[in-house]
Amino acid sequence: MDEIAVEEMSFEQAMAELERVLGLLERGDAPLEDSIGLYERGAALKKRCETKLREAEEKVAAITLDGAGAPAGTTAVDGL
């Protein structure tokens, strides 16, 4: 996978890269210095996934329902 900046990754890209990094760490084939770098990248990827999930949850929570319970629009959410 190309080295995309973690901050620019979609949730799906970050999750796929995190799975790849975890696989490398689990196999234990990388030298110690490489493992440390992989661990740091994995931590950043985990944080990115958590951020993207939180953003999605906030968007879903902002959906307003009409009297019948059908989606009727959205309400403003700070920061989105």
N, C-alpha and C. Protein backbone atom coordinates (compact mmCIF):
# COMPACT_ATOMS: atom_id res chain seq x y z
N MET A 1 0.85 -1.18 0.00
CA MET A 1 0.00 0.00 0.00
C MET A 1 0.89 1.23 0.00
N ASP A 2 0.53 2.24 -0.79
CA ASP A 2 1.28 3.48 -0.81
C ASP A 2 1.22 4.12 0.56
N GLU A 3 2.26 4.86 0.89
CA GLU A 3 2.32 5.55 2.17
C GLU A 3 1.48 6.82 2.12
N ILE A 4 0.21 6.69 2.37
CA ILE A 4 -0.69 7.83 2.46
C ILE A 4 -0.61 8.34 3.88
N ALA A 5 -0.63 9.67 4.02
CA ALA A 5 -0.63 10.24 5.37
C ALA A 5 -1.88 9.75 6.10
N VAL A 6 -1.72 9.32 7.32
CA VAL A 6 -2.82 8.77 8.11
C VAL A 6 -3.97 9.75 8.18
N GLU A 7 -3.67 11.04 8.33
CA GLU A 7 -4.71 12.06 8.47
C GLU A 7 -5.56 12.20 7.21
N GLU A 8 -5.07 11.72 6.08
CA GLU A 8 -5.80 11.83 4.81
C GLU A 8 -6.57 10.56 4.47
N MET A 9 -6.43 9.52 5.26
CA MET A 9 -7.06 8.24 4.95
C MET A 9 -8.55 8.24 5.29
N SER A 10 -9.29 7.52 4.46
CA SER A 10 -10.68 7.24 4.80
C SER A 10 -10.68 6.18 5.89
N PHE A 11 -11.85 5.95 6.47
CA PHE A 11 -11.95 4.90 7.48
C PHE A 11 -11.51 3.56 6.90
N GLU A 12 -11.98 3.25 5.69
CA GLU A 12 -11.68 1.97 5.07
C GLU A 12 -10.19 1.80 4.80
N GLN A 13 -9.54 2.88 4.33
CA GLN A 13 -8.11 2.82 4.08
C GLN A 13 -7.34 2.60 5.38
N ALA A 14 -7.71 3.34 6.41
CA ALA A 14 -7.02 3.23 7.70
C ALA A 14 -7.22 1.83 8.29
N MET A 15 -8.41 1.29 8.18
CA MET A 15 -8.68 -0.05 8.73
C MET A 15 -7.87 -1.11 7.98
N ALA A 16 -7.82 -1.02 6.66
CA ALA A 16 -7.05 -1.99 5.87
C ALA A 16 -5.57 -1.91 6.22
N GLU A 17 -5.05 -0.69 6.35
CA GLU A 17 -3.64 -0.52 6.70
C GLU A 17 -3.37 -1.01 8.12
N LEU A 18 -4.30 -0.76 9.03
CA LEU A 18 -4.15 -1.24 10.41
C LEU A 18 -4.10 -2.76 10.44
N GLU A 19 -4.96 -3.41 9.67
CA GLU A 19 -4.94 -4.88 9.60
C GLU A 19 -3.61 -5.39 9.06
N ARG A 20 -3.07 -4.69 8.05
CA ARG A 20 -1.79 -5.09 7.47
C ARG A 20 -0.68 -4.94 8.52
N VAL A 21 -0.66 -3.82 9.22
CA VAL A 21 0.35 -3.56 10.25
C VAL A 21 0.25 -4.60 11.36
N LEU A 22 -0.96 -4.89 11.80
CA LEU A 22 -1.14 -5.89 12.86
C LEU A 22 -0.63 -7.26 12.42
N GLY A 23 -0.90 -7.60 11.16
CA GLY A 23 -0.41 -8.88 10.65
C GLY A 23 1.10 -8.96 10.69
N LEU A 24 1.77 -7.89 10.30
CA LEU A 24 3.23 -7.86 10.34
C LEU A 24 3.74 -8.00 11.78
N LEU A 25 3.11 -7.28 12.69
CA LEU A 25 3.53 -7.36 14.09
C LEU A 25 3.27 -8.74 14.69
N GLU A 26 2.14 -9.33 14.37
CA GLU A 26 1.79 -10.64 14.93
C GLU A 26 2.76 -11.72 14.46
N ARG A 27 3.20 -11.62 13.20
CA ARG A 27 4.13 -12.63 12.69
C ARG A 27 5.50 -12.50 13.35
N GLY A 28 5.85 -11.30 13.80
CA GLY A 28 7.12 -11.10 14.49
C GLY A 28 8.33 -11.19 13.58
N ASP A 29 8.14 -11.00 12.29
CA ASP A 29 9.24 -11.11 11.35
C ASP A 29 10.07 -9.84 11.23
N ALA A 30 9.56 -8.71 11.69
CA ALA A 30 10.24 -7.44 11.53
C ALA A 30 11.29 -7.25 12.62
N PRO A 31 12.41 -6.63 12.26
CA PRO A 31 13.41 -6.29 13.28
C PRO A 31 12.81 -5.33 14.30
N LEU A 32 13.45 -5.22 15.46
CA LEU A 32 12.92 -4.41 16.55
C LEU A 32 12.63 -2.98 16.13
N GLU A 33 13.57 -2.31 15.46
CA GLU A 33 13.35 -0.92 15.06
C GLU A 33 12.15 -0.80 14.12
N ASP A 34 12.00 -1.73 13.20
CA ASP A 34 10.85 -1.72 12.29
C ASP A 34 9.56 -1.97 13.07
N SER A 35 9.62 -2.86 14.04
CA SER A 35 8.44 -3.16 14.86
C SER A 35 7.98 -1.93 15.63
N ILE A 36 8.93 -1.16 16.13
CA ILE A 36 8.57 0.07 16.85
C ILE A 36 7.86 1.04 15.92
N GLY A 37 8.38 1.20 14.72
CA GLY A 37 7.74 2.07 13.73
C GLY A 37 6.37 1.57 13.34
N LEU A 38 6.23 0.26 13.19
CA LEU A 38 4.93 -0.32 12.86
C LEU A 38 3.94 -0.09 13.99
N TYR A 39 4.41 -0.26 15.22
CA TYR A 39 3.53 -0.04 16.38
C TYR A 39 3.05 1.41 16.41
N GLU A 40 3.96 2.35 16.17
CA GLU A 40 3.59 3.77 16.16
C GLU A 40 2.58 4.07 15.05
N ARG A 41 2.80 3.50 13.87
CA ARG A 41 1.86 3.70 12.75
C ARG A 41 0.51 3.07 13.11
N GLY A 42 0.55 1.90 13.71
CA GLY A 42 -0.69 1.24 14.12
C GLY A 42 -1.48 2.08 15.10
N ALA A 43 -0.79 2.71 16.05
CA ALA A 43 -1.47 3.56 17.03
C ALA A 43 -2.12 4.76 16.33
N ALA A 44 -1.43 5.36 15.36
CA ALA A 44 -2.00 6.48 14.62
C ALA A 44 -3.20 6.04 13.78
N LEU A 45 -3.10 4.86 13.19
CA LEU A 45 -4.21 4.33 12.39
C LEU A 45 -5.43 4.04 13.27
N LYS A 46 -5.20 3.49 14.44
CA LYS A 46 -6.29 3.22 15.38
C LYS A 46 -7.00 4.51 15.75
N LYS A 47 -6.22 5.53 16.04
CA LYS A 47 -6.79 6.84 16.39
C LYS A 47 -7.61 7.39 15.22
N ARG A 48 -7.10 7.25 13.99
CA ARG A 48 -7.82 7.73 12.81
C ARG A 48 -9.15 6.99 12.66
N CYS A 49 -9.15 5.69 12.84
CA CYS A 49 -10.39 4.91 12.75
C CYS A 49 -11.39 5.36 13.82
N GLU A 50 -10.92 5.57 15.03
CA GLU A 50 -11.80 6.03 16.11
C GLU A 50 -12.39 7.40 15.79
N THR A 51 -11.58 8.29 15.23
CA THR A 51 -12.06 9.63 14.87
C THR A 51 -13.12 9.55 13.80
N LYS A 52 -12.87 8.76 12.76
CA LYS A 52 -13.84 8.64 11.66
C LYS A 52 -15.14 8.00 12.16
N LEU A 53 -15.06 7.02 13.04
CA LEU A 53 -16.26 6.41 13.60
C LEU A 53 -17.06 7.40 14.44
N ARG A 54 -16.34 8.19 15.24
CA ARG A 54 -17.01 9.20 16.07
C ARG A 54 -17.72 10.23 15.19
N GLU A 55 -17.08 10.65 14.10
CA GLU A 55 -17.70 11.59 13.18
C GLU A 55 -18.96 11.00 12.57
N ALA A 56 -18.91 9.74 12.19
CA ALA A 56 -20.09 9.08 11.61
C ALA A 56 -21.21 8.97 12.65
N GLU A 57 -20.86 8.62 13.88
CA GLU A 57 -21.87 8.53 14.94
C GLU A 57 -22.54 9.88 15.18
N GLU A 58 -21.76 10.95 15.15
CA GLU A 58 -22.32 12.29 15.35
C GLU A 58 -23.26 12.67 14.22
N LYS A 59 -22.91 12.29 13.00
CA LYS A 59 -23.78 12.58 11.86
C LYS A 59 -25.09 11.81 11.98
N VAL A 60 -25.02 10.55 12.38
CA VAL A 60 -26.23 9.74 12.54
C VAL A 60 -27.08 10.32 13.67
N ALA A 61 -26.44 10.72 14.75
CA ALA A 61 -27.18 11.29 15.88
C ALA A 61 -27.87 12.60 15.51
N ALA A 62 -27.38 13.28 14.47
CA ALA A 62 -27.94 14.57 14.07
C ALA A 62 -29.18 14.41 13.18
N ILE A 63 -29.49 13.20 12.75
CA ILE A 63 -30.66 12.99 11.90
C ILE A 63 -31.91 13.18 12.74
N THR A 64 -32.80 14.03 12.25
CA THR A 64 -34.05 14.28 12.97
C THR A 64 -35.15 13.42 12.37
N LEU A 65 -36.11 13.06 13.19
CA LEU A 65 -37.22 12.22 12.76
C LEU A 65 -38.51 13.03 12.82
N ASP A 66 -39.44 12.70 11.91
CA ASP A 66 -40.75 13.35 11.96
C ASP A 66 -41.65 12.60 12.94
N GLY A 67 -42.89 13.01 13.05
CA GLY A 67 -43.83 12.39 13.99
C GLY A 67 -44.02 10.91 13.77
N ALA A 68 -43.83 10.44 12.54
CA ALA A 68 -43.99 9.01 12.23
C ALA A 68 -42.69 8.23 12.40
N GLY A 69 -41.63 8.92 12.79
CA GLY A 69 -40.35 8.24 12.98
C GLY A 69 -39.51 8.14 11.73
N ALA A 70 -39.93 8.80 10.64
CA ALA A 70 -39.17 8.78 9.40
C ALA A 70 -38.14 9.91 9.42
N PRO A 71 -36.98 9.71 8.80
CA PRO A 71 -35.99 10.78 8.75
C PRO A 71 -36.58 12.02 8.08
N ALA A 72 -36.42 13.15 8.73
CA ALA A 72 -36.99 14.39 8.21
C ALA A 72 -35.93 15.44 7.92
N GLY A 73 -34.71 15.15 8.16
CA GLY A 73 -33.63 16.11 7.93
C GLY A 73 -32.54 15.90 8.96
N THR A 74 -31.71 16.90 9.07
CA THR A 74 -30.63 16.82 10.04
C THR A 74 -30.59 18.10 10.87
N THR A 75 -30.01 17.97 12.02
CA THR A 75 -29.79 19.14 12.85
C THR A 75 -28.31 19.46 12.79
N ALA A 76 -27.97 20.70 13.01
CA ALA A 76 -26.58 21.10 12.99
C ALA A 76 -25.83 20.44 14.15
N VAL A 77 -24.63 19.98 13.85
CA VAL A 77 -23.77 19.40 14.87
C VAL A 77 -22.51 20.24 14.89
N ASP A 78 -22.12 20.72 16.04
CA ASP A 78 -20.93 21.57 16.15
C ASP A 78 -19.73 20.86 15.57
N GLY A 79 -18.97 21.59 14.76
CA GLY A 79 -17.74 21.05 14.21
C GLY A 79 -17.90 20.22 12.97
N LEU A 80 -19.10 20.00 12.50
CA LEU A 80 -19.29 19.19 11.29
C LEU A 80 -19.87 20.01 10.18
